[in-house]
Amino acid sequence: MTMDGSPLMDRLAFDNVFLNGGWCYGGFKAIPASGAAFARFVATGTPPDLIRHFNLGRFATGQLLDERGMGPFPVRH
């Protein structure tokens, strides 16, 4: 579970190592479309627009995703 309730889909600093996790509440609904986009990312090395915002760097820059209706809500846990 991530702090903004959105998944992580990114390439790590190792050769051919990718991360796809932290799906929290809505993963089972989003996996078909995001799975196809993630497969394209792995095959080409470039994240498609659909998933490019779900990178690890958003936590370092403070650009967390705001998906209304998704959790978690840190102050309520």
C-alpha atoms as a PDB file:
ATOM      1  CA  MET A   1       0.000   0.000   0.000  1.00  0.00           C
ATOM      2  CA  THR A   2       1.424   3.346  -0.995  1.00  0.00           C
ATOM      3  CA  MET A   3       0.837   6.642   0.774  1.00  0.00           C
ATOM      4  CA  ASP A   4      -1.179   8.027  -2.117  1.00  0.00           C
ATOM      5  CA  GLY A   5      -3.099   4.797  -2.719  1.00  0.00           C
ATOM      6  CA  SER A   6      -1.797   4.478  -6.274  1.00  0.00           C
ATOM      7  CA  PRO A   7       0.362   1.696  -7.668  1.00  0.00           C
ATOM      8  CA  LEU A   8       4.058   1.759  -8.413  1.00  0.00           C
ATOM      9  CA  MET A   9       5.032   0.948 -11.990  1.00  0.00           C
ATOM     10  CA  ASP A  10       8.626   1.816 -12.743  1.00  0.00           C
ATOM     11  CA  ARG A  11      12.031   0.553 -13.782  1.00  0.00           C
ATOM     12  CA  LEU A  12      14.538   0.093 -10.966  1.00  0.00           C
ATOM     13  CA  ALA A  13      18.220   0.986 -11.035  1.00  0.00           C
ATOM     14  CA  PHE A  14      19.209  -2.562 -12.025  1.00  0.00           C
ATOM     15  CA  ASP A  15      19.327  -4.008 -15.527  1.00  0.00           C
ATOM     16  CA  ASN A  16      15.960  -5.368 -16.634  1.00  0.00           C
ATOM     17  CA  VAL A  17      14.314  -5.042 -13.204  1.00  0.00           C
ATOM     18  CA  PHE A  18      10.843  -3.508 -13.118  1.00  0.00           C
ATOM     19  CA  LEU A  19       8.417  -2.924 -10.248  1.00  0.00           C
ATOM     20  CA  ASN A  20       4.647  -3.280 -10.473  1.00  0.00           C
ATOM     21  CA  GLY A  21       2.980  -3.300  -7.067  1.00  0.00           C
ATOM     22  CA  GLY A  22       1.208  -1.401  -4.310  1.00  0.00           C
ATOM     23  CA  TRP A  23      -2.183  -1.718  -5.970  1.00  0.00           C
ATOM     24  CA  CYS A  24      -4.207  -1.380  -2.768  1.00  0.00           C
ATOM     25  CA  TYR A  25      -7.940  -1.183  -3.337  1.00  0.00           C
ATOM     26  CA  GLY A  26      -8.559  -1.071  -7.074  1.00  0.00           C
ATOM     27  CA  GLY A  27      -5.945  -3.329  -8.574  1.00  0.00           C
ATOM     28  CA  PHE A  28      -8.263  -6.111  -9.617  1.00  0.00           C
ATOM     29  CA  LYS A  29     -10.230  -3.646 -11.775  1.00  0.00           C
ATOM     30  CA  ALA A  30      -7.235  -1.899 -13.329  1.00  0.00           C
ATOM     31  CA  ILE A  31      -4.946  -4.845 -14.059  1.00  0.00           C
ATOM     32  CA  PRO A  32      -6.173  -5.622 -17.613  1.00  0.00           C
ATOM     33  CA  ALA A  33      -5.416  -2.173 -19.046  1.00  0.00           C
ATOM     34  CA  SER A  34      -2.391  -1.433 -16.897  1.00  0.00           C
ATOM     35  CA  GLY A  35      -0.985  -4.914 -17.505  1.00  0.00           C
ATOM     36  CA  ALA A  36      -0.997  -4.322 -21.251  1.00  0.00           C
ATOM     37  CA  ALA A  37       0.629  -0.913 -20.759  1.00  0.00           C
ATOM     38  CA  PHE A  38       3.222  -2.352 -18.374  1.00  0.00           C
ATOM     39  CA  ALA A  39       4.065  -5.121 -20.869  1.00  0.00           C
ATOM     40  CA  ARG A  40       4.676  -2.423 -23.480  1.00  0.00           C
ATOM     41  CA  PHE A  41       6.897  -0.584 -20.975  1.00  0.00           C
ATOM     42  CA  VAL A  42       8.991  -3.711 -20.367  1.00  0.00           C
ATOM     43  CA  ALA A  43       9.234  -4.449 -24.096  1.00  0.00           C
ATOM     44  CA  THR A  44      10.170  -0.923 -25.201  1.00  0.00           C
ATOM     45  CA  GLY A  45      11.762   0.620 -22.121  1.00  0.00           C
ATOM     46  CA  THR A  46       9.462   3.650 -22.369  1.00  0.00           C
ATOM     47  CA  PRO A  47       6.381   3.916 -20.135  1.00  0.00           C
ATOM     48  CA  PRO A  48       3.172   4.604 -22.065  1.00  0.00           C
ATOM     49  CA  ASP A  49       1.203   7.718 -21.078  1.00  0.00           C
ATOM     50  CA  LEU A  50      -1.338   5.564 -19.228  1.00  0.00           C
ATOM     51  CA  ILE A  51       1.214   4.532 -16.579  1.00  0.00           C
ATOM     52  CA  ARG A  52       4.012   7.113 -16.717  1.00  0.00           C
ATOM     53  CA  HIS A  53       2.779   8.962 -13.610  1.00  0.00           C
ATOM     54  CA  PHE A  54       2.973   5.860 -11.409  1.00  0.00           C
ATOM     55  CA  ASN A  55       6.754   6.060 -10.973  1.00  0.00           C
ATOM     56  CA  LEU A  56       8.788   5.937  -7.771  1.00  0.00           C
ATOM     57  CA  GLY A  57      10.083   9.467  -8.283  1.00  0.00           C
ATOM     58  CA  ARG A  58       6.739  10.965  -7.301  1.00  0.00           C
ATOM     59  CA  PHE A  59       7.551  10.336  -3.633  1.00  0.00           C
ATOM     60  CA  ALA A  60      10.934  12.072  -3.858  1.00  0.00           C
ATOM     61  CA  THR A  61       9.448  15.132  -5.558  1.00  0.00           C
ATOM     62  CA  GLY A  62       6.255  15.265  -3.509  1.00  0.00           C
ATOM     63  CA  GLN A  63       4.096  14.953  -6.636  1.00  0.00           C
ATOM     64  CA  LEU A  64       1.764  12.348  -5.176  1.00  0.00           C
ATOM     65  CA  LEU A  65      -1.225  11.274  -7.235  1.00  0.00           C
ATOM     66  CA  ASP A  66      -4.636  12.436  -6.133  1.00  0.00           C
ATOM     67  CA  GLU A  67      -7.137   9.785  -7.107  1.00  0.00           C
ATOM     68  CA  ARG A  68     -10.447  10.659  -5.495  1.00  0.00           C
ATOM     69  CA  GLY A  69     -12.250   7.721  -3.955  1.00  0.00           C
ATOM     70  CA  MET A  70      -9.016   5.782  -3.401  1.00  0.00           C
ATOM     71  CA  GLY A  71      -7.132   5.223  -0.164  1.00  0.00           C
ATOM     72  CA  PRO A  72      -5.249   5.247   1.975  1.00  0.00           C
ATOM     73  CA  PHE A  73      -5.863   8.317   4.033  1.00  0.00           C
ATOM     74  CA  PRO A  74      -2.814   8.479   6.344  1.00  0.00           C
ATOM     75  CA  VAL A  75      -4.433  10.707   8.968  1.00  0.00           C
ATOM     76  CA  ARG A  76      -7.291   8.225   9.374  1.00  0.00           C
ATOM     77  CA  HIS A  77      -5.188   5.057   9.785  1.00  0.00           C
END
